[in-house]
Protein backbone atom coordinates (compact mmCIF):
# COMPACT_ATOMS: atom_id res chain seq x y z
CA MET A 1 58.44 4.12 11.13
CA PHE A 2 54.94 5.58 10.73
CA ARG A 3 52.48 3.85 8.41
CA GLU A 4 48.74 4.38 8.10
CA ASN A 5 46.40 1.44 8.50
CA LYS A 6 44.33 1.20 5.30
CA GLY A 7 43.95 -2.59 5.20
CA HIS A 8 40.53 -2.53 6.85
CA LEU A 9 39.02 -0.75 3.82
CA GLN A 10 39.56 -3.84 1.64
CA SER A 11 37.66 -6.93 2.76
CA GLU A 12 39.40 -10.32 2.70
CA LEU A 13 38.38 -12.86 0.04
CA PHE A 14 37.75 -15.46 2.76
CA GLY A 15 37.05 -12.91 5.50
CA THR A 16 34.03 -12.61 7.76
CA PHE A 17 31.96 -10.48 5.39
CA ASN A 18 32.34 -12.90 2.50
CA THR A 19 31.78 -16.15 4.42
CA VAL A 20 28.78 -15.51 6.69
CA SER A 21 25.18 -15.93 5.63
CA ALA A 22 23.08 -13.05 4.34
CA ALA A 23 20.99 -13.08 7.55
CA MET A 24 24.08 -12.79 9.76
CA LEU A 25 25.56 -10.14 7.48
CA LYS A 26 22.38 -8.12 7.85
CA LYS A 27 22.61 -8.32 11.65
CA MET A 28 26.29 -7.37 11.59
CA THR A 29 25.73 -4.28 9.44
CA SER A 30 22.83 -3.24 11.72
CA SER A 31 24.89 -3.54 14.91
CA ASN A 32 26.20 -0.70 17.05
CA GLU A 33 29.73 -1.96 16.54
CA TYR A 34 29.54 -1.55 12.77
CA LEU A 35 28.23 1.96 13.25
CA PHE A 36 31.21 2.58 15.55
CA TYR A 37 33.51 1.32 12.79
CA ARG A 38 31.87 3.67 10.32
CA PHE A 39 31.69 6.85 12.43
CA ILE A 40 34.72 6.49 14.73
CA HIS A 41 37.31 3.98 13.52
CA CYS A 42 37.28 5.07 9.86
CA LYS A 43 37.37 8.77 10.78
CA ILE A 44 40.42 8.70 13.06
CA ASP A 45 43.24 10.69 11.48
CA GLU A 46 46.35 8.60 12.13
CA ASN A 47 48.65 11.38 10.87
CA ILE A 48 48.07 13.13 14.21
CA PHE A 49 50.39 10.54 15.78
CA ALA A 50 53.02 10.47 13.00
CA GLY A 51 55.45 12.55 15.08
CA LEU A 52 55.70 9.77 17.67
CA TYR A 53 57.60 7.51 15.25
CA SER A 54 60.94 7.61 13.44
CA ASP A 55 61.28 9.01 9.92
CA GLU A 56 63.91 6.43 9.04
CA ALA A 57 63.07 3.16 7.28
CA SER A 58 62.37 0.70 10.07
CA ARG A 59 59.74 -1.66 11.40
CA PRO A 60 56.29 -0.06 10.90
CA ASN A 61 54.02 0.83 13.79
CA ALA A 62 50.97 -1.13 14.90
CA ALA A 63 47.60 0.08 13.59
CA ILE A 64 47.05 3.43 15.34
CA ASN A 65 43.34 3.72 14.53
CA ALA A 66 42.84 0.24 16.03
CA MET A 67 44.65 1.22 19.26
CA VAL A 68 42.80 4.54 19.60
CA SER A 69 39.46 2.86 18.85
CA SER A 70 40.23 0.19 21.44
CA LEU A 71 40.93 2.79 24.13
CA ILE A 72 37.66 4.56 23.28
CA LEU A 73 35.73 1.27 23.52
CA MET A 74 37.45 0.51 26.84
CA LYS A 75 36.31 3.84 28.33
CA HIS A 76 32.86 3.58 26.74
CA HIS A 77 32.18 0.12 28.20
CA ASP A 78 34.24 0.67 31.40
CA TRP A 79 36.45 -2.35 30.64
CA THR A 80 39.76 -3.21 32.23
CA TYR A 81 42.72 -3.92 29.94
CA GLU A 82 42.19 -7.67 30.41
CA GLU A 83 38.52 -7.36 29.46
CA LEU A 84 39.46 -5.23 26.44
CA PHE A 85 41.85 -7.83 25.02
CA GLU A 86 39.46 -10.67 25.76
CA ASN A 87 36.74 -8.91 23.77
CA ILE A 88 39.12 -8.09 20.90
CA GLN A 89 40.16 -11.73 20.65
CA PHE A 90 36.81 -13.50 21.07
CA HIS A 91 33.99 -11.00 20.43
CA LEU A 92 33.10 -10.93 16.72
CA LEU A 93 31.32 -7.56 16.87
CA VAL A 94 34.20 -5.88 18.75
CA ARG A 95 36.54 -7.11 16.01
CA LEU A 96 34.08 -5.68 13.50
CA ALA A 97 34.28 -2.30 15.30
CA LEU A 98 38.08 -2.35 14.87
CA GLY A 99 37.90 -3.20 11.15
CA LEU A 100 39.16 -6.77 11.59
CA ASP A 101 37.75 -8.99 8.82
CA ASP A 102 39.10 -12.33 10.08
CA LEU A 103 38.95 -14.42 13.24
CA GLU A 104 42.66 -14.86 13.98
CA GLN A 105 44.55 -11.59 13.56
CA MET A 106 45.34 -9.47 16.66
CA PRO A 107 46.11 -5.84 15.70
CA PHE A 108 48.47 -5.31 18.66
CA CYS A 109 49.53 -6.84 21.97
CA MET A 110 49.13 -5.36 25.46
CA ALA A 111 52.76 -4.19 25.62
CA THR A 112 52.35 -2.34 22.31
CA LEU A 113 49.26 -0.54 23.62
CA PHE A 114 51.08 0.51 26.81
CA ASN A 115 54.10 1.70 24.82
CA PHE A 116 51.79 3.73 22.57
CA GLN A 117 50.21 5.42 25.57
CA ASN A 118 53.64 6.15 27.05
CA ARG A 119 54.72 7.79 23.78
CA VAL A 120 51.61 9.99 23.85
CA ILE A 121 52.27 10.94 27.51
CA ASP A 122 55.93 11.76 26.78
CA HIS A 123 54.83 13.91 23.84
CA PHE A 124 52.40 15.76 26.12
CA ILE A 125 55.11 16.37 28.74
CA LYS A 126 57.55 17.71 26.14
CA THR A 127 55.18 19.83 24.05
CA GLY A 128 52.02 20.31 26.14
CA GLU A 129 50.06 18.95 23.15
CA ASN A 130 47.38 16.35 23.90
CA LEU A 131 47.01 14.21 20.76
CA PHE A 132 43.81 12.57 22.01
CA GLU A 133 42.25 16.02 22.26
CA GLN A 134 42.99 16.47 18.55
CA VAL A 135 41.34 13.11 17.80
CA PHE A 136 38.23 14.21 19.71
CA ASP A 137 38.15 17.63 18.03
CA ARG A 138 38.45 16.23 14.49
CA LEU A 139 35.87 13.52 15.07
CA THR A 140 33.43 16.05 16.52
CA GLU A 141 34.06 18.54 13.71
CA HIS A 142 33.31 15.85 11.12
CA GLN A 143 30.18 14.69 12.96
CA LEU A 144 28.80 18.23 13.29
CA LYS A 145 29.21 18.76 9.54
CA GLN A 146 27.93 15.34 8.48
CA LEU A 147 24.81 15.52 10.64
CA LYS A 148 24.32 19.28 10.02
CA ILE A 149 24.14 20.06 13.73
CA LYS A 150 23.83 23.74 14.65
CA ALA A 151 26.15 25.03 17.37
CA ASN A 152 24.90 28.62 17.75
CA ILE A 153 23.56 27.78 21.23
CA CYS A 154 25.70 25.76 23.68
CA ARG A 155 25.65 24.85 27.37
CA THR A 156 28.35 23.89 29.85
CA ASP A 157 28.78 22.16 33.19
CA SER A 158 31.46 20.33 35.18
CA VAL A 159 31.89 17.28 37.41
CA MET A 160 34.48 16.72 40.14
CA VAL A 161 36.23 13.34 39.99
CA ALA A 162 38.48 11.77 42.61
CA SER A 163 41.87 10.44 41.54
CA ASN A 164 42.69 6.77 42.11
CA ILE A 165 44.87 7.58 45.13
CA ARG A 166 44.82 6.84 48.81
CA SER A 167 43.47 9.65 50.97
CA TYR A 168 46.36 10.67 53.21
CA SER A 169 46.26 12.86 56.28
CA ARG A 170 49.07 15.40 56.58
CA LEU A 171 51.25 13.31 58.91
CA GLN A 172 50.51 10.10 57.02
CA LEU A 173 51.65 11.70 53.74
CA LEU A 174 54.91 12.83 55.35
CA VAL A 175 55.58 9.38 56.81
CA GLU A 176 54.74 7.72 53.47
CA MET A 177 57.40 9.86 51.80
CA ILE A 178 59.97 8.72 54.39
CA LEU A 179 59.18 5.05 53.72
CA ARG A 180 59.44 5.50 49.94
CA ILE A 181 62.73 7.34 50.25
CA TYR A 182 64.18 4.50 52.33
CA ARG A 183 63.14 1.96 49.66
CA VAL A 184 65.20 3.64 46.91
CA LEU A 185 68.42 3.75 48.97
CA ASN A 186 71.11 1.24 48.04
CA GLU A 187 71.85 -1.59 50.48
CA THR A 188 74.93 0.15 51.90
CA ASP A 189 73.04 3.35 52.71
CA LYS A 190 70.09 1.40 54.10
CA GLU A 191 72.40 -0.30 56.60
CA ARG A 192 74.32 2.89 57.36
CA TYR A 193 71.25 5.10 58.03
CA LYS A 194 68.89 2.47 59.42
CA ASP A 195 68.92 4.08 62.88
CA ARG A 196 67.46 7.31 61.51
CA PHE A 197 64.60 5.53 59.72
CA GLU A 198 64.04 2.71 62.21
CA ARG A 199 61.16 4.48 63.97
CA TYR A 200 59.05 4.26 60.81
CA LEU A 201 60.14 0.90 59.39
CA GLY A 202 58.25 -2.39 59.70
CA LYS A 203 54.80 -0.86 59.32
CA SER A 204 52.80 1.13 56.79
CA SER A 205 52.23 4.87 57.12
CA GLY A 206 48.63 4.20 58.13
CA GLN A 207 49.62 1.68 60.80
CA TYR A 208 52.17 4.15 62.19
CA ILE A 209 49.74 7.03 62.74
CA TYR A 210 47.10 4.71 64.24
CA THR A 211 49.43 4.12 67.20
CA LEU A 212 49.74 7.84 67.99
CA ARG A 213 47.70 9.84 70.45
CA SER A 214 46.07 13.00 69.13
CA GLY A 215 48.03 15.13 71.61
CA ASN A 216 51.34 13.86 70.20
CA LEU A 217 50.75 14.98 66.61
CA SER A 218 52.56 18.32 67.02
CA ALA A 219 55.64 16.63 68.47
CA GLU A 220 55.56 14.00 65.69
CA LEU A 221 55.42 16.69 63.00
CA ALA A 222 58.46 18.37 64.58
CA MET A 223 60.39 15.07 64.60
CA VAL A 224 59.45 14.41 60.97
CA GLY A 225 60.59 17.94 60.10
CA LYS A 226 64.05 17.30 61.57
CA LEU A 227 64.37 14.05 59.60
CA TYR A 228 63.27 15.83 56.40
CA HIS A 229 65.93 18.48 56.97
CA TRP A 230 68.58 15.78 57.42
CA ILE A 231 67.43 13.95 54.26
CA ASP A 232 67.55 17.20 52.32
CA GLN A 233 71.10 17.91 53.50
CA HIS A 234 72.64 14.43 53.24
CA LEU A 235 70.64 12.13 50.92
CA ARG A 236 69.08 14.38 48.29
CA PRO A 237 72.43 15.37 46.71
CA LEU A 238 73.27 11.66 46.28
CA TYR A 239 69.88 10.61 44.84
CA GLN A 240 68.74 13.79 43.11
CA ASN A 241 68.00 11.92 39.86
CA GLU A 242 65.43 9.70 41.59
CA GLU A 243 61.82 10.76 40.95
CA ILE A 244 60.82 10.29 44.61
CA PHE A 245 63.43 12.85 45.72
CA ARG A 246 61.99 15.45 43.35
CA ILE A 247 58.60 14.84 44.96
CA PHE A 248 60.23 14.94 48.40
CA GLU A 249 61.69 18.38 47.72
CA GLN A 250 58.25 19.73 46.82
CA VAL A 251 56.61 18.20 49.91
CA TYR A 252 59.44 19.48 52.14
CA GLN A 253 58.98 23.06 50.95
CA GLU A 254 55.20 22.89 51.28
CA HIS A 255 55.11 21.63 54.89
CA PHE A 256 58.27 23.06 56.48
CA THR A 257 60.39 26.17 56.49
CA VAL A 258 63.94 26.60 57.80
CA VAL A 259 64.85 29.67 59.86
CA ALA A 260 68.42 29.91 61.19
CA GLU A 261 68.99 26.16 60.69
CA LYS A 262 65.85 25.42 62.69
CA VAL A 263 62.99 23.52 61.03
CA ILE A 264 59.57 25.11 61.60
CA VAL A 265 56.33 23.28 60.78
CA ARG A 266 53.97 25.39 58.70
CA SER A 267 50.58 26.02 60.30
CA SER A 268 47.36 24.58 58.86
CA GLU A 269 46.35 28.08 57.74
CA GLU A 270 49.41 28.20 55.47
CA MET A 271 48.45 24.98 53.70
CA SER A 272 47.08 25.30 50.16
CA SER A 273 44.57 23.13 48.32
CA GLY A 274 47.13 22.82 45.53
CA PHE A 275 49.75 21.12 47.72
CA VAL A 276 50.74 17.52 46.97
CA GLN A 277 47.89 15.21 48.02
CA SER A 278 49.67 11.96 47.15
CA PRO A 279 53.10 10.98 45.76
CA ASP A 280 51.20 8.93 43.16
CA ASP A 281 49.38 11.90 41.61
CA LEU A 282 51.07 15.29 41.72
CA ASP A 283 48.31 16.86 39.60
CA ALA A 284 45.53 16.11 42.09
CA ALA A 285 44.28 19.00 44.22
CA TYR A 286 41.92 19.26 47.19
CA ARG A 287 38.46 20.80 47.32
CA GLU A 288 35.46 20.65 49.63
CA LYS A 289 32.08 21.35 48.06
CA ASN A 290 28.62 20.78 49.51
CA GLY A 291 30.15 18.90 52.45
CA ARG A 292 32.04 16.49 50.17
CA GLN A 293 35.83 16.30 50.11
CA ILE A 294 37.50 15.56 46.76
CA LYS A 295 41.17 14.96 45.96
CA GLY A 296 41.46 14.89 42.22
CA HIS A 297 40.34 16.75 39.12
CA VAL A 298 37.38 18.47 37.51
CA ILE A 299 36.05 17.61 34.03
CA ASN A 300 34.36 20.48 32.20
CA VAL A 301 32.23 19.83 29.10
CA VAL A 302 30.52 22.03 26.51
CA GLU A 303 27.80 20.70 24.20
CA THR A 304 25.43 22.03 21.56
CA ALA A 305 21.93 22.96 22.73
CA THR A 306 20.11 24.48 19.75
CA PRO A 307 16.42 23.47 20.07
CA GLU A 308 16.16 22.72 16.32
CA ASN A 309 18.81 19.98 16.56
CA GLU A 310 17.55 16.41 16.59
CA VAL A 311 20.80 15.39 18.28
CA ASN A 312 23.30 17.41 20.32
CA LEU A 313 27.00 16.58 20.67
CA ILE A 314 29.77 17.39 23.14
CA THR A 315 32.14 19.86 21.45
CA ASP A 316 34.73 20.63 24.15
CA VAL A 317 36.23 18.73 27.08
CA VAL A 318 38.98 19.82 29.48
CA VAL A 319 40.44 18.40 32.71
CA LYS A 320 41.83 20.69 35.42
CA PRO A 321 42.82 20.34 39.10
CA VAL A 322 39.71 20.28 41.25
CA ASN A 323 40.61 23.48 43.12
CA ILE A 324 40.27 25.64 39.98
CA ASP A 325 36.99 27.55 39.87
CA ASP A 326 34.47 26.93 37.07
CA SER A 327 34.59 30.59 36.00
CA THR A 328 38.39 30.41 35.62
CA ILE A 329 38.14 27.24 33.51
CA LEU A 330 35.54 28.84 31.25
CA ASN A 331 37.67 31.97 30.87
CA GLU A 332 40.62 29.85 29.71
CA ARG A 333 38.49 27.88 27.25
CA LEU A 334 36.35 30.63 25.68
CA ASP A 335 38.85 31.37 22.89
CA ILE A 336 39.13 27.65 22.12
CA ILE A 337 35.35 27.19 22.19
CA LYS A 338 34.96 30.07 19.74
CA ASP A 339 37.55 28.49 17.41
CA LYS A 340 35.81 25.10 17.49
CA THR A 341 32.29 26.49 17.01
CA PRO A 342 32.63 29.92 15.32
CA GLU A 343 28.85 30.24 15.00
CA ILE A 344 28.25 30.18 18.78
CA GLU A 345 26.02 33.07 19.85
CA GLU A 346 24.62 31.96 23.20
CA LEU A 347 26.15 30.01 26.11
CA HIS A 348 24.06 28.66 29.02
CA PHE A 349 25.66 27.97 32.42
CA ASP A 350 24.93 27.97 36.15
CA GLY A 351 25.98 30.45 38.83
CA GLY A 352 29.49 29.04 39.24
CA TYR A 353 30.62 30.29 35.81
CA GLY A 354 29.62 33.93 36.07
CA SER A 355 32.42 36.51 36.40
CA GLU A 356 33.34 39.96 35.12
CA ALA A 357 36.31 38.54 33.19
CA ASN A 358 34.01 36.10 31.39
CA ASP A 359 31.55 38.90 30.63
CA GLN A 360 34.33 40.90 28.96
CA LYS A 361 35.58 37.95 26.93
CA MET A 362 32.08 36.92 25.80
CA LEU A 363 31.39 40.51 24.79
CA LYS A 364 34.56 40.37 22.67
CA HIS A 365 33.44 37.11 20.99
CA GLU A 366 29.81 38.33 20.63
CA ILE A 367 28.50 35.49 22.80
CA THR A 368 25.40 36.09 24.91
CA PRO A 369 25.89 34.67 28.43
CA VAL A 370 22.77 33.05 29.91
CA GLN A 371 23.21 32.37 33.62
CA THR A 372 20.47 30.25 35.19
CA ALA A 373 21.38 31.03 38.81
CA ILE A 374 22.95 33.92 40.71
CA ARG A 375 26.05 33.36 42.81
CA GLY A 376 25.80 34.70 46.36
CA ARG A 377 22.86 36.38 48.05
CA LYS A 378 20.31 38.34 46.08
CA ALA A 379 20.00 42.01 47.06
CA ARG A 380 16.72 42.94 48.69
CA VAL A 381 16.65 46.32 46.91
CA GLN A 382 17.53 46.14 43.24
CA ILE A 383 19.72 48.91 41.82
CA GLU A 384 19.46 48.83 38.02
CA ILE A 385 22.19 50.15 35.72
CA GLU A 386 21.40 51.06 32.10
CA ILE A 387 23.88 52.18 29.46
CA HIS A 388 23.15 54.87 26.86
CA PRO A 389 24.49 54.96 23.27
CA ASP A 390 27.03 57.61 24.35
CA ASN A 391 28.44 55.10 26.93
CA SER A 392 27.01 57.03 29.87
CA TYR A 393 24.99 55.27 32.58
CA GLN A 394 21.60 55.78 34.17
CA VAL A 395 20.97 54.22 37.58
CA SER A 396 17.54 53.58 39.08
CA CYS A 397 16.14 52.33 42.37
CA PRO A 398 12.45 51.67 43.22
CA LEU A 399 11.73 55.44 43.60
CA GLN A 400 14.44 57.34 41.69
CA LYS A 401 16.36 57.40 38.42
CA VAL A 402 19.54 59.46 38.07
CA SER A 403 22.44 59.87 35.66
CA ALA A 404 25.82 58.53 36.79
CA ILE A 405 28.91 60.72 37.11
CA ARG A 406 32.37 59.55 36.05
CA THR A 407 35.01 59.54 38.81
CA ARG A 408 38.73 58.80 38.48
CA LYS A 409 38.38 54.99 38.83
CA ARG A 410 34.65 54.27 38.66
CA TRP A 411 31.14 55.70 38.30
CA LYS A 412 28.84 57.07 40.99
CA ALA A 413 25.11 57.78 41.11
CA CYS A 414 23.85 60.42 43.60
CA PHE A 415 20.31 59.94 44.92
CA ASP A 416 18.16 62.57 46.65
CA LYS A 417 18.26 61.91 50.42
CA SER A 418 14.78 63.39 50.99
CA VAL A 419 13.24 60.84 48.63
CA CYS A 420 15.32 58.04 50.19
CA HIS A 421 14.08 58.86 53.71
CA SER A 422 10.48 58.34 52.61
CA CYS A 423 11.31 55.04 50.87
CA PRO A 424 10.07 51.91 52.68
CA TYR A 425 13.24 50.08 51.61
CA SER A 426 15.74 52.66 52.91
CA GLN A 427 16.96 50.46 55.78
CA GLU A 428 17.79 47.59 53.43
CA CYS A 429 19.27 49.67 50.62
CA ARG A 430 22.96 49.35 49.65
CA LEU A 431 23.41 53.11 49.05
CA ILE A 432 26.18 54.86 50.98
CA GLU A 433 25.11 57.73 53.23
CA GLN A 434 26.95 61.02 52.58
CA LYS A 435 26.36 64.66 53.56
CA ARG A 436 24.34 65.72 50.52
CA TRP A 437 23.43 62.45 48.82
CA ARG A 438 23.05 58.77 49.13
CA VAL A 439 25.59 57.40 46.69
CA TYR A 440 25.96 54.18 44.71
CA TYR A 441 29.42 53.37 43.28
CA PHE A 442 29.86 50.91 40.42
CA ARG A 443 32.13 49.91 37.56
CA ASN A 444 31.46 48.78 34.01
CA GLU A 445 31.82 45.16 35.22
CA ASP A 446 28.81 45.66 37.51
CA HIS A 447 26.70 46.67 34.52
CA LEU A 448 27.83 43.55 32.61
CA LYS A 449 27.00 41.39 35.64
CA GLN A 450 23.49 42.86 35.88
CA GLN A 451 23.03 42.45 32.16
CA ARG A 452 23.98 38.78 32.43
CA HIS A 453 21.47 38.25 35.24
CA ARG A 454 18.66 39.90 33.25
CA ILE A 455 19.27 38.05 29.98
CA LEU A 456 17.46 34.94 31.22
CA GLU A 457 14.25 36.97 31.56
CA LYS A 458 14.56 38.38 28.04
CA ILE A 459 15.01 35.17 26.05
CA PRO A 460 11.94 33.11 24.99
CA PRO A 461 10.52 30.83 27.73
CA GLU A 462 11.32 27.66 25.74
CA ARG A 463 15.05 28.53 25.89
CA ARG A 464 15.26 29.31 29.61
CA SER A 465 15.65 25.68 30.66
CA LEU A 466 18.14 24.61 27.98
CA ARG A 467 20.97 24.27 30.50
CA ASN A 468 19.13 21.60 32.50
CA ASN A 469 19.81 18.78 30.02
CA VAL A 470 23.58 19.12 30.44
CA GLU A 471 23.09 17.40 33.82
CA ALA A 472 22.30 14.20 31.87
CA THR A 473 25.63 14.57 30.07
CA ILE A 474 27.44 14.89 33.40
CA LYS A 475 25.63 11.73 34.52
CA GLU A 476 27.14 9.93 31.50
CA PHE A 477 30.59 10.62 32.95
CA SER A 478 29.64 9.86 36.58
CA CYS A 479 28.06 6.49 35.81
CA ARG A 480 31.39 5.22 34.45
CA MET A 481 33.03 5.77 37.82
CA CYS A 482 32.57 4.10 41.18
CA GLY A 483 31.76 6.82 43.67
CA ARG A 484 33.00 9.42 41.16
CA LYS A 485 36.50 7.98 41.41
CA VAL A 486 38.40 7.26 38.19
CA ARG A 487 40.64 4.20 37.80
CA VAL A 488 43.66 6.27 36.77
CA ARG A 489 45.97 8.91 38.26
CA GLY A 490 47.27 12.18 36.93
CA ASN A 491 45.80 14.95 34.80
CA PHE A 492 46.80 13.40 31.46
CA LYS A 493 45.37 9.93 32.10
CA THR A 494 42.20 11.50 33.51
CA SER A 495 41.94 13.51 30.29
CA LEU A 496 42.23 10.26 28.28
CA PHE A 497 39.29 8.96 30.31
CA ALA A 498 37.33 12.17 29.67
CA TYR A 499 37.96 12.23 25.89
CA GLY A 500 37.20 8.51 25.59
CA VAL A 501 33.89 8.93 27.43
CA ALA A 502 33.00 12.06 25.41
CA ILE A 503 33.60 10.28 22.09
CA GLY A 504 31.54 7.35 23.36
CA VAL A 505 28.70 9.62 24.49
CA ASN A 506 28.62 11.36 21.11
CA PHE A 507 28.65 8.00 19.35
CA GLY A 508 25.75 6.76 21.49
CA ARG A 509 23.70 9.82 20.59
CA ILE A 510 24.48 9.43 16.88
CA ARG A 511 23.57 5.73 17.07
CA ARG A 512 20.17 6.46 18.66
CA PHE A 513 19.56 9.26 16.15
CA MET A 514 20.31 7.00 13.18
CA GLN A 515 18.20 4.16 14.57
CA LYS A 516 15.33 6.59 14.94
CA ASN A 517 15.77 7.71 11.33
CA GLU A 518 15.96 4.09 10.14
CA GLU A 519 12.67 3.38 11.91
CA ARG A 520 11.11 6.31 10.07
CA GLU A 521 12.48 5.01 6.77
CA LEU A 522 11.10 1.54 7.48
CA ILE A 523 7.66 3.00 8.18
CA ILE A 524 7.76 4.94 4.89
CA ILE A 525 8.96 1.84 3.03
CA SER A 526 6.21 -0.24 4.66
CA ILE A 527 3.56 2.25 3.57
CA PHE A 528 5.02 2.32 0.06
CA MET A 529 5.09 -1.49 -0.14
CA ARG A 530 1.46 -1.69 0.96
CA PHE A 531 0.54 0.83 -1.72
CA LEU A 532 2.35 -1.31 -4.31
CA THR A 533 0.54 -4.38 -3.01
CA VAL A 534 -2.82 -2.66 -3.54
CA LEU A 535 -1.83 -1.81 -7.08
CA LEU A 536 -0.65 -5.37 -7.62
CA VAL A 537 -3.94 -6.88 -6.41
CA TYR A 538 -6.35 -4.46 -8.03
CA GLY A 539 -4.32 -3.29 -11.03
CA LYS A 540 -5.72 -4.28 -14.44
CA ASN A 541 -2.55 -3.93 -16.48
CA LEU A 542 -0.66 -7.24 -16.22
CA LYS A 543 2.60 -5.67 -17.43
CA ILE A 544 2.49 -3.04 -14.67
CA ARG A 545 1.68 -5.76 -12.08
CA SER A 546 4.63 -7.90 -13.14
CA ASN A 547 7.04 -4.91 -13.06
CA ILE A 548 5.89 -3.99 -9.55
CA TRP A 549 6.37 -7.56 -8.39
CA LEU A 550 9.89 -7.73 -9.80
CA SER A 551 10.80 -4.34 -8.22
CA CYS A 552 9.62 -5.48 -4.78
CA GLY A 553 11.55 -8.72 -5.02
CA TYR A 554 14.72 -6.98 -6.18
CA TYR A 555 14.50 -4.48 -3.33
CA GLU A 556 14.10 -7.16 -0.65
CA LYS A 557 16.90 -9.28 -2.11
CA ASN A 558 19.46 -6.51 -2.50
CA ILE A 559 18.82 -4.22 0.48
CA THR A 560 21.64 -5.80 2.53
CA SER A 561 24.25 -5.55 -0.22
CA TRP A 562 23.08 -1.98 -0.93
CA LYS A 563 23.65 -0.98 2.69
CA MET A 564 27.09 -2.61 2.64
CA LEU A 565 28.04 -0.70 -0.52
CA VAL A 566 26.95 2.63 0.97
CA PHE A 567 28.85 2.01 4.24
CA ARG A 568 32.02 0.90 2.46
CA THR A 569 31.91 3.90 0.12
CA ASP A 570 31.36 6.28 3.04
CA SER A 571 34.28 4.73 4.93
């Protein structure tokens, strides 16, 4: 049965807050953990997870905001589960961050936390709805409003992360599947079919391929293909409910094809980057970029970048297989980004995000695309396309400017050949030679692409380098991984990592922003106190002097309790 956790809003009579000294209470309320309690723990909407629990009267759930906050802290500090529970049990400030006002209570056990995560994963599989994404979105929405952060200018970038899987070669993956299939057979079938599997038993898949010569790999693949065909015909019908056999069927179809009852090994050219990379992570894909091979996922982030903002926050996070292009990811997220930040007018990105489809969608949402780099080679001779109010085009090269003519599928601009022959750039020009003209063909998408490339030159110089700072945000994700490899497997668990880190990054920025503001306030208070001291020393009116003295003393005595009252009321 679902029940919200509201107990943390009422302090215990003999709890931590009411038993520690004023000096310790002041340190506690000034800590990062108390700020986490105020901005994260108290703002988590537990009703998001209500659908995971029964509507009937039964035993209530563990505190959901405490479990979600714990997972965020775990990702933020890069803790293991053991380190998380050790800190919850013995670290006073971590308990403070979770709203625990005593030294003995544990809000949940490790099994409860795992069961909670499994419920969230099952919900995602059934509905496609990621509840942690909703937690991130609502927290960010509240923070943007509370801190009055403008989101009319945003920037985006991505980072490739490796899944926590072993890197298999093709043959090693196939042999690993054979070994795992043999493990799930019952004892009778193991004994009956031992002869068919005996070649691969007694060693790991890695040890098996180490004993092979490179010239024997083709013959080994053929032998594995025959065994796969036999398994598919004889064992799969008996064990079709086993998860490993569902994976086996996918691997079998990806690597082999059957023609007239003969198993044929697919060539390397037929292999796709989206094929199964490991039986432990079916969501992981393969990609090679800048000489680096990655088997895993890509995390894409969008954050505010308005120069007037004193602090910028991450507003959108998504995890996709690593073989999906950045431009495709952005195209899928543009509608969502517009819903989250309706005021967005300008989006900064690098060359990997530019595409005609994105130009069309940004034009629809009235978002100005600012691309800081051009994908591919830059043309030596620039052909410029301009659009008129009547939707006609004018095309110009270094020596000519002509009006474009509409054809059945596209536009064409006809340039005078006599002028072209005298042009010093004629040998490098992209124009097509015809009988009467030199012709340039283009579509509306080409105009949008040129427009996107020229926007960077039109915006003020102080806004041209706004995208650069998103690299620091990407570093915040990378530094929580060892060699850019996450500790988890699968798209969903990687997304939990990404949302946890994003919430932690936003919290860190808010914390530094508030500390900076508190320092300003202390400076103003210090100046004010000095002014009062001058009045106190040199003032002639004894009544005024005594009132000033009493005011100063009251302020110093009650500042801690005043801060506590404000924080509790805000919570």
